[in-house]
Amino acid sequence: MIAVWSRSSAAARVAFVVMMVFGTFATLFVIGVLLSDPGGLAGIAISAAIVGAVVGLSLLVVRQSRRAPSVLGVATALLVLFALLDVMFQLLPRGSGPSIAVAALVLSVPLAFLGLRDARLGGWLLVAAGLAPLVEVVARAPGGGGGVHLGGSSGAVAVPVIVVGLLFLIAASGDRGAERQPAG
């Protein structure tokens, strides 16, 4: 991982650090909420599943760099598809919590690890994962001209994930520009 860090551009490293800080605090917040509602063993089990998924997928990126892009690409595509299907068919009961936003949060940390290896792919997948919670927000926006409200938990996850994805894409475009510069 140290070699990947040293080969990454400064912009990719900044994006990675921003996501690690956001991911840590957001995950701790989600765990705190889960330990109070639903609380008990259910809250502990869901919290353990979230932490296990974040750690497991992050380790996949670090240890199996060839397989990780496919796994995370499929996971991100499934998240976006599920968000769309949930809007169309109401798969999740309303009031059950921000499940899609939490799933996007779970994917965001491993995608940042992927972004260190491949800033372009990591960036696009982060943008896609960040858009998944917004699908629900936009679909449920009031039709009376009230506009879209991003202040809830979906927006609190979506906006930083999309911004970090864009930072990785900026890093990727900077890397590509540096490759085109003639040496000497």
Protein backbone atom coordinates (compact mmCIF):
# COMPACT_ATOMS: atom_id res chain seq x y z
CA MET A 1 0.00 0.00 0.00
CA ILE A 2 2.93 2.32 0.66
CA ALA A 3 4.05 1.91 -2.95
CA VAL A 4 0.55 2.79 -4.17
CA TRP A 5 0.52 5.86 -1.93
CA SER A 6 3.87 7.08 -3.24
CA ARG A 7 2.83 6.54 -6.89
CA SER A 8 -0.45 8.42 -6.42
CA SER A 9 -0.70 12.07 -7.28
CA ALA A 10 -1.02 14.65 -4.53
CA ALA A 11 -4.62 15.32 -5.60
CA ALA A 12 -5.49 11.61 -5.32
CA ARG A 13 -3.91 11.49 -1.86
CA VAL A 14 -5.93 14.53 -0.75
CA ALA A 15 -9.13 12.90 -2.04
CA PHE A 16 -8.23 9.67 -0.21
CA VAL A 17 -7.57 11.45 3.10
CA VAL A 18 -10.78 13.46 2.81
CA MET A 19 -12.76 10.25 2.26
CA MET A 20 -11.03 8.47 5.15
CA VAL A 21 -11.86 11.32 7.53
CA PHE A 22 -15.45 11.60 6.28
CA GLY A 23 -15.90 7.82 6.19
CA THR A 24 -14.63 7.40 9.74
CA PHE A 25 -16.85 10.10 11.25
CA ALA A 26 -19.91 9.15 9.19
CA THR A 27 -19.54 5.47 10.06
CA LEU A 28 -19.17 6.29 13.75
CA PHE A 29 -22.29 8.44 13.54
CA VAL A 30 -24.25 5.64 11.84
CA ILE A 31 -23.08 3.14 14.46
CA GLY A 32 -24.13 5.53 17.24
CA VAL A 33 -27.58 5.87 15.73
CA LEU A 34 -27.89 2.11 15.26
CA LEU A 35 -26.90 1.41 18.84
CA SER A 36 -29.80 3.57 20.01
CA ASP A 37 -32.33 2.68 17.28
CA PRO A 38 -32.89 -0.27 16.91
CA GLY A 39 -30.40 -0.78 19.74
CA GLY A 40 -29.66 -4.04 21.49
CA LEU A 41 -28.41 -7.04 19.56
CA ALA A 42 -29.96 -5.83 16.29
CA GLY A 43 -28.04 -2.55 16.48
CA ILE A 44 -24.82 -4.36 17.33
CA ALA A 45 -25.31 -6.86 14.49
CA ILE A 46 -26.04 -4.19 11.88
CA SER A 47 -23.08 -2.10 13.10
CA ALA A 48 -20.78 -5.13 12.89
CA ALA A 49 -22.04 -5.87 9.38
CA ILE A 50 -21.32 -2.31 8.28
CA VAL A 51 -17.81 -2.27 9.75
CA GLY A 52 -17.13 -5.77 8.40
CA ALA A 53 -18.20 -4.76 4.90
CA VAL A 54 -16.07 -1.60 4.92
CA VAL A 55 -12.99 -3.44 6.22
CA GLY A 56 -13.53 -6.49 4.02
CA LEU A 57 -13.98 -4.54 0.80
CA SER A 58 -11.05 -2.27 1.66
CA LEU A 59 -8.84 -5.30 2.24
CA LEU A 60 -10.02 -6.71 -1.09
CA VAL A 61 -8.73 -3.57 -2.83
CA VAL A 62 -5.40 -3.68 -0.98
CA ARG A 63 -4.77 -7.41 -1.34
CA GLN A 64 -6.52 -8.39 -4.58
CA SER A 65 -6.01 -5.42 -6.84
CA ARG A 66 -7.00 -7.33 -10.00
CA ARG A 67 -10.34 -8.55 -8.67
CA ALA A 68 -11.31 -5.42 -6.72
CA PRO A 69 -12.33 -3.15 -9.64
CA SER A 70 -14.79 -5.76 -10.92
CA VAL A 71 -16.24 -6.47 -7.47
CA LEU A 72 -16.62 -2.79 -6.58
CA GLY A 73 -17.94 -1.94 -10.05
CA VAL A 74 -20.64 -4.60 -9.76
CA ALA A 75 -21.45 -3.55 -6.17
CA THR A 76 -21.80 0.09 -7.23
CA ALA A 77 -23.96 -0.81 -10.22
CA LEU A 78 -26.18 -2.97 -8.02
CA LEU A 79 -26.52 -0.11 -5.52
CA VAL A 80 -27.62 2.33 -8.23
CA LEU A 81 -29.97 -0.28 -9.72
CA PHE A 82 -31.45 -1.01 -6.30
CA ALA A 83 -31.97 2.71 -5.67
CA LEU A 84 -33.84 3.03 -8.97
CA LEU A 85 -35.92 -0.09 -8.31
CA ASP A 86 -36.73 1.11 -4.80
CA VAL A 87 -38.06 4.37 -6.19
CA MET A 88 -40.18 2.54 -8.77
CA PHE A 89 -41.45 -0.35 -6.66
CA GLN A 90 -40.91 0.78 -3.04
CA LEU A 91 -38.81 -2.26 -2.09
CA LEU A 92 -37.86 -0.82 1.29
CA PRO A 93 -40.56 0.19 3.76
CA ARG A 94 -40.73 3.96 4.12
CA GLY A 95 -39.37 5.17 7.42
CA SER A 96 -36.93 2.26 7.66
CA GLY A 97 -33.95 4.59 7.56
CA PRO A 98 -31.45 5.71 4.95
CA SER A 99 -30.45 2.23 3.77
CA ILE A 100 -29.23 3.35 0.36
CA ALA A 101 -27.19 6.19 1.87
CA VAL A 102 -25.59 3.75 4.34
CA ALA A 103 -24.79 1.34 1.49
CA ALA A 104 -23.17 4.22 -0.42
CA LEU A 105 -21.16 5.07 2.69
CA VAL A 106 -20.03 1.45 3.02
CA LEU A 107 -18.78 1.48 -0.59
CA SER A 108 -17.14 4.91 -0.39
CA VAL A 109 -14.15 3.94 1.75
CA PRO A 110 -13.11 0.93 -0.39
CA LEU A 111 -13.68 3.02 -3.51
CA ALA A 112 -11.24 5.60 -2.14
CA PHE A 113 -8.65 2.83 -1.77
CA LEU A 114 -9.36 1.94 -5.40
CA GLY A 115 -8.97 5.62 -6.31
CA LEU A 116 -5.38 5.55 -5.06
CA ARG A 117 -4.64 2.79 -7.58
CA ASP A 118 -6.83 4.08 -10.41
CA ALA A 119 -8.07 7.62 -9.81
CA ARG A 120 -10.33 7.65 -12.86
CA LEU A 121 -12.16 4.41 -12.06
CA GLY A 122 -12.36 5.17 -8.34
CA GLY A 123 -13.65 8.66 -9.10
CA TRP A 124 -16.39 7.53 -11.46
CA LEU A 125 -17.51 4.77 -9.10
CA LEU A 126 -17.60 7.23 -6.18
CA VAL A 127 -19.73 9.64 -8.21
CA ALA A 128 -22.09 6.78 -9.12
CA ALA A 129 -22.28 5.57 -5.50
CA GLY A 130 -22.95 9.15 -4.36
CA LEU A 131 -25.73 9.54 -6.90
CA ALA A 132 -27.58 6.46 -5.58
CA PRO A 133 -28.94 8.19 -2.44
CA LEU A 134 -29.86 11.22 -4.53
CA VAL A 135 -32.13 9.09 -6.72
CA GLU A 136 -34.47 8.66 -3.78
CA VAL A 137 -34.19 12.31 -2.72
CA VAL A 138 -35.03 13.59 -6.20
CA ALA A 139 -37.82 11.05 -6.75
CA ARG A 140 -39.46 11.98 -3.46
CA ALA A 141 -39.09 15.75 -3.91
CA PRO A 142 -42.40 17.57 -3.50
CA GLY A 143 -44.05 18.40 -6.80
CA GLY A 144 -45.23 21.75 -5.55
CA GLY A 145 -42.00 23.58 -6.39
CA GLY A 146 -40.39 22.93 -3.01
CA GLY A 147 -37.23 21.68 -4.68
CA VAL A 148 -34.83 18.99 -3.59
CA HIS A 149 -33.72 19.03 0.04
CA LEU A 150 -30.19 17.68 0.55
CA GLY A 151 -30.03 18.39 4.27
CA GLY A 152 -31.08 14.90 5.35
CA SER A 153 -28.92 11.86 5.81
CA SER A 154 -29.02 10.98 2.11
CA GLY A 155 -27.61 14.38 1.17
CA ALA A 156 -25.12 14.25 4.03
CA VAL A 157 -23.66 11.10 2.46
CA ALA A 158 -24.21 11.86 -1.22
CA VAL A 159 -22.62 15.28 -1.42
CA PRO A 160 -19.24 14.43 0.17
CA VAL A 161 -19.01 11.13 -1.74
CA ILE A 162 -19.67 12.90 -5.05
CA VAL A 163 -17.21 15.69 -4.19
CA VAL A 164 -14.46 13.17 -3.37
CA GLY A 165 -15.26 11.30 -6.58
CA LEU A 166 -14.82 14.55 -8.49
CA LEU A 167 -11.51 15.15 -6.69
CA PHE A 168 -10.30 11.74 -7.89
CA LEU A 169 -11.42 12.60 -11.43
CA ILE A 170 -9.50 15.87 -11.23
CA ALA A 171 -6.48 13.90 -10.04
CA ALA A 172 -6.89 11.50 -12.97
CA SER A 173 -7.06 14.33 -15.50
CA GLY A 174 -3.96 15.89 -13.96
CA ASP A 175 -2.14 12.55 -14.15
CA ARG A 176 -3.09 12.17 -17.79
CA GLY A 177 -1.87 15.70 -18.55
CA ALA A 178 1.45 14.96 -16.84
CA GLU A 179 1.87 11.82 -18.97
CA ARG A 180 1.49 13.88 -22.16
CA GLN A 181 4.18 16.38 -21.19
CA PRO A 182 7.43 15.67 -23.02
CA ALA A 183 10.38 15.05 -20.74
CA GLY A 184 13.20 17.57 -20.87
